[in-house]
Amino acid sequence: WYQRRVRAVPLMDKMGRRTLMLLGQFFMIVSYIGLAIAQRIHYENQDGAKWTSPVSVVTIITFIIFFAIGPGSIPWLIVAELFTAEARGKASSLCVGMNWVCNLIVVLTYDQLKQSFK
């Protein structure tokens, strides 16, 4: 994903941050919908739905690519533009720390959420 993030930087200057963020979000939603449809068909027709596995892999890869182009890379780069040089280090540290805390919350609560939907 690092290579995609590096490629996103010139795209941000060319297309604009808002456009890339919206484009990334849109295709992430489309990928989720495609994955949900493929999984639903797979579980309903387990015998004749062998095509759903490759479709699921393609939708996940599509999601990862558009996440790296939009919501995955833009927030990391915007922090440096929003704050002055004096506050940039502290602001970046705070944002990165908050990102890791939110990721930790997702990891710690995933199993409970998964069990609640069964």
C-alpha atoms as a PDB file:
ATOM      1  CA  TRP A   1       0.000   0.000   0.000  1.00  0.00           C
ATOM      2  CA  TYR A   2       2.971   2.263   0.427  1.00  0.00           C
ATOM      3  CA  GLN A   3       3.491   2.444  -3.340  1.00  0.00           C
ATOM      4  CA  ARG A   4      -0.132   3.455  -3.864  1.00  0.00           C
ATOM      5  CA  ARG A   5       0.197   6.118  -1.201  1.00  0.00           C
ATOM      6  CA  VAL A   6       3.294   7.531  -2.899  1.00  0.00           C
ATOM      7  CA  ARG A   7       1.402   7.569  -6.191  1.00  0.00           C
ATOM      8  CA  ALA A   8      -1.482   9.425  -4.551  1.00  0.00           C
ATOM      9  CA  VAL A   9       0.636  12.491  -3.760  1.00  0.00           C
ATOM     10  CA  PRO A  10       0.999  13.667  -7.387  1.00  0.00           C
ATOM     11  CA  LEU A  11      -2.661  12.809  -7.966  1.00  0.00           C
ATOM     12  CA  MET A  12      -3.645  15.113  -5.090  1.00  0.00           C
ATOM     13  CA  ASP A  13      -1.882  18.030  -6.734  1.00  0.00           C
ATOM     14  CA  LYS A  14      -3.396  17.246 -10.116  1.00  0.00           C
ATOM     15  CA  MET A  15      -6.982  16.292  -9.213  1.00  0.00           C
ATOM     16  CA  GLY A  16      -7.434  17.937  -5.836  1.00  0.00           C
ATOM     17  CA  ARG A  17      -7.926  16.481  -2.395  1.00  0.00           C
ATOM     18  CA  ARG A  18     -11.698  16.749  -2.315  1.00  0.00           C
ATOM     19  CA  THR A  19     -12.089  14.977  -5.660  1.00  0.00           C
ATOM     20  CA  LEU A  20      -9.778  12.148  -4.629  1.00  0.00           C
ATOM     21  CA  MET A  21     -11.477  11.782  -1.256  1.00  0.00           C
ATOM     22  CA  LEU A  22     -14.942  11.583  -2.838  1.00  0.00           C
ATOM     23  CA  LEU A  23     -13.731   9.288  -5.609  1.00  0.00           C
ATOM     24  CA  GLY A  24     -12.061   7.002  -3.076  1.00  0.00           C
ATOM     25  CA  GLN A  25     -15.150   6.916  -0.858  1.00  0.00           C
ATOM     26  CA  PHE A  26     -17.437   6.200  -3.809  1.00  0.00           C
ATOM     27  CA  PHE A  27     -15.415   3.259  -5.102  1.00  0.00           C
ATOM     28  CA  MET A  28     -14.940   1.918  -1.579  1.00  0.00           C
ATOM     29  CA  ILE A  29     -18.734   1.834  -1.212  1.00  0.00           C
ATOM     30  CA  VAL A  30     -19.074   0.175  -4.626  1.00  0.00           C
ATOM     31  CA  SER A  31     -16.483  -2.416  -3.575  1.00  0.00           C
ATOM     32  CA  TYR A  32     -18.340  -3.139  -0.343  1.00  0.00           C
ATOM     33  CA  ILE A  33     -21.610  -3.547  -2.228  1.00  0.00           C
ATOM     34  CA  GLY A  34     -19.948  -5.868  -4.763  1.00  0.00           C
ATOM     35  CA  LEU A  35     -18.424  -7.929  -1.958  1.00  0.00           C
ATOM     36  CA  ALA A  36     -21.752  -8.156  -0.139  1.00  0.00           C
ATOM     37  CA  ILE A  37     -23.561  -9.282  -3.285  1.00  0.00           C
ATOM     38  CA  ALA A  38     -20.887 -11.872  -4.126  1.00  0.00           C
ATOM     39  CA  GLN A  39     -20.918 -13.256  -0.577  1.00  0.00           C
ATOM     40  CA  ARG A  40     -24.714 -13.389  -0.495  1.00  0.00           C
ATOM     41  CA  ILE A  41     -24.835 -15.293  -3.780  1.00  0.00           C
ATOM     42  CA  HIS A  42     -22.053 -17.605  -2.601  1.00  0.00           C
ATOM     43  CA  TYR A  43     -23.888 -18.588   0.579  1.00  0.00           C
ATOM     44  CA  GLU A  44     -27.241 -19.004  -1.157  1.00  0.00           C
ATOM     45  CA  ASN A  45     -25.898 -21.072  -4.106  1.00  0.00           C
ATOM     46  CA  GLN A  46     -22.897 -22.945  -2.814  1.00  0.00           C
ATOM     47  CA  ASP A  47     -22.898 -25.446  -5.674  1.00  0.00           C
ATOM     48  CA  GLY A  48     -22.951 -23.260  -8.783  1.00  0.00           C
ATOM     49  CA  ALA A  49     -21.426 -20.008  -7.537  1.00  0.00           C
ATOM     50  CA  LYS A  50     -17.727 -20.672  -7.993  1.00  0.00           C
ATOM     51  CA  TRP A  51     -17.231 -17.265  -9.629  1.00  0.00           C
ATOM     52  CA  THR A  52     -17.965 -15.472  -6.369  1.00  0.00           C
ATOM     53  CA  SER A  53     -14.541 -16.174  -4.858  1.00  0.00           C
ATOM     54  CA  PRO A  54     -12.555 -14.332  -7.558  1.00  0.00           C
ATOM     55  CA  VAL A  55     -15.108 -11.523  -7.548  1.00  0.00           C
ATOM     56  CA  SER A  56     -14.667 -11.188  -3.786  1.00  0.00           C
ATOM     57  CA  VAL A  57     -10.892 -10.982  -4.165  1.00  0.00           C
ATOM     58  CA  VAL A  58     -11.199  -8.337  -6.900  1.00  0.00           C
ATOM     59  CA  THR A  59     -13.580  -6.229  -4.812  1.00  0.00           C
ATOM     60  CA  ILE A  60     -11.240  -6.365  -1.822  1.00  0.00           C
ATOM     61  CA  ILE A  61      -8.257  -5.355  -3.970  1.00  0.00           C
ATOM     62  CA  THR A  62     -10.341  -2.528  -5.468  1.00  0.00           C
ATOM     63  CA  PHE A  63     -11.249  -1.379  -1.971  1.00  0.00           C
ATOM     64  CA  ILE A  64      -7.586  -1.347  -0.905  1.00  0.00           C
ATOM     65  CA  ILE A  65      -6.497   0.605  -3.983  1.00  0.00           C
ATOM     66  CA  PHE A  66      -9.143   3.297  -3.590  1.00  0.00           C
ATOM     67  CA  PHE A  67      -8.589   3.485   0.159  1.00  0.00           C
ATOM     68  CA  ALA A  68      -4.904   4.145  -0.505  1.00  0.00           C
ATOM     69  CA  ILE A  69      -5.721   6.820  -3.081  1.00  0.00           C
ATOM     70  CA  GLY A  70      -8.317   8.644  -0.988  1.00  0.00           C
ATOM     71  CA  PRO A  71      -9.034   8.212   2.723  1.00  0.00           C
ATOM     72  CA  GLY A  72      -5.828   6.294   3.401  1.00  0.00           C
ATOM     73  CA  SER A  73      -3.327   8.889   2.264  1.00  0.00           C
ATOM     74  CA  ILE A  74      -4.990  12.286   2.274  1.00  0.00           C
ATOM     75  CA  PRO A  75      -5.465  12.664   6.053  1.00  0.00           C
ATOM     76  CA  TRP A  76      -1.756  11.963   6.641  1.00  0.00           C
ATOM     77  CA  LEU A  77      -0.728  14.706   4.241  1.00  0.00           C
ATOM     78  CA  ILE A  78      -3.353  17.295   5.146  1.00  0.00           C
ATOM     79  CA  VAL A  79      -2.132  17.541   8.749  1.00  0.00           C
ATOM     80  CA  ALA A  80       1.092  19.143   7.555  1.00  0.00           C
ATOM     81  CA  GLU A  81      -0.849  21.743   5.585  1.00  0.00           C
ATOM     82  CA  LEU A  82      -3.357  22.637   8.279  1.00  0.00           C
ATOM     83  CA  PHE A  83      -0.929  23.640  11.018  1.00  0.00           C
ATOM     84  CA  THR A  84       1.891  26.138  11.255  1.00  0.00           C
ATOM     85  CA  ALA A  85       5.486  24.958  11.354  1.00  0.00           C
ATOM     86  CA  GLU A  86       5.655  25.431  15.136  1.00  0.00           C
ATOM     87  CA  ALA A  87       2.585  23.284  15.821  1.00  0.00           C
ATOM     88  CA  ARG A  88       3.074  20.757  13.032  1.00  0.00           C
ATOM     89  CA  GLY A  89       5.072  18.219  15.060  1.00  0.00           C
ATOM     90  CA  LYS A  90       2.681  18.176  18.005  1.00  0.00           C
ATOM     91  CA  ALA A  91      -0.378  18.132  15.752  1.00  0.00           C
ATOM     92  CA  SER A  92       1.018  15.258  13.687  1.00  0.00           C
ATOM     93  CA  SER A  93       1.830  13.322  16.860  1.00  0.00           C
ATOM     94  CA  LEU A  94      -1.674  13.892  18.187  1.00  0.00           C
ATOM     95  CA  CYS A  95      -3.290  12.839  14.903  1.00  0.00           C
ATOM     96  CA  VAL A  96      -1.142   9.720  14.537  1.00  0.00           C
ATOM     97  CA  GLY A  97      -1.785   8.789  18.175  1.00  0.00           C
ATOM     98  CA  MET A  98      -5.528   9.239  17.707  1.00  0.00           C
ATOM     99  CA  ASN A  99      -5.397   7.109  14.569  1.00  0.00           C
ATOM    100  CA  TRP A 100      -3.694   4.287  16.471  1.00  0.00           C
ATOM    101  CA  VAL A 101      -6.151   4.569  19.384  1.00  0.00           C
ATOM    102  CA  CYS A 102      -9.089   4.290  16.978  1.00  0.00           C
ATOM    103  CA  ASN A 103      -7.467   1.293  15.273  1.00  0.00           C
ATOM    104  CA  LEU A 104      -6.968  -0.326  18.673  1.00  0.00           C
ATOM    105  CA  ILE A 105     -10.635   0.217  19.533  1.00  0.00           C
ATOM    106  CA  VAL A 106     -11.670  -1.459  16.287  1.00  0.00           C
ATOM    107  CA  VAL A 107      -9.388  -4.434  16.942  1.00  0.00           C
ATOM    108  CA  LEU A 108     -10.558  -4.855  20.542  1.00  0.00           C
ATOM    109  CA  THR A 109     -14.281  -4.597  19.751  1.00  0.00           C
ATOM    110  CA  TYR A 110     -14.381  -6.580  16.495  1.00  0.00           C
ATOM    111  CA  ASP A 111     -15.082  -9.973  18.078  1.00  0.00           C
ATOM    112  CA  GLN A 112     -17.864  -8.547  20.247  1.00  0.00           C
ATOM    113  CA  LEU A 113     -19.473  -6.887  17.243  1.00  0.00           C
ATOM    114  CA  LYS A 114     -19.129 -10.068  15.208  1.00  0.00           C
ATOM    115  CA  GLN A 115     -20.815 -12.118  17.958  1.00  0.00           C
ATOM    116  CA  SER A 116     -23.648  -9.603  18.318  1.00  0.00           C
ATOM    117  CA  PHE A 117     -24.612 -10.013  14.657  1.00  0.00           C
ATOM    118  CA  LYS A 118     -24.994 -13.807  14.873  1.00  0.00           C
END
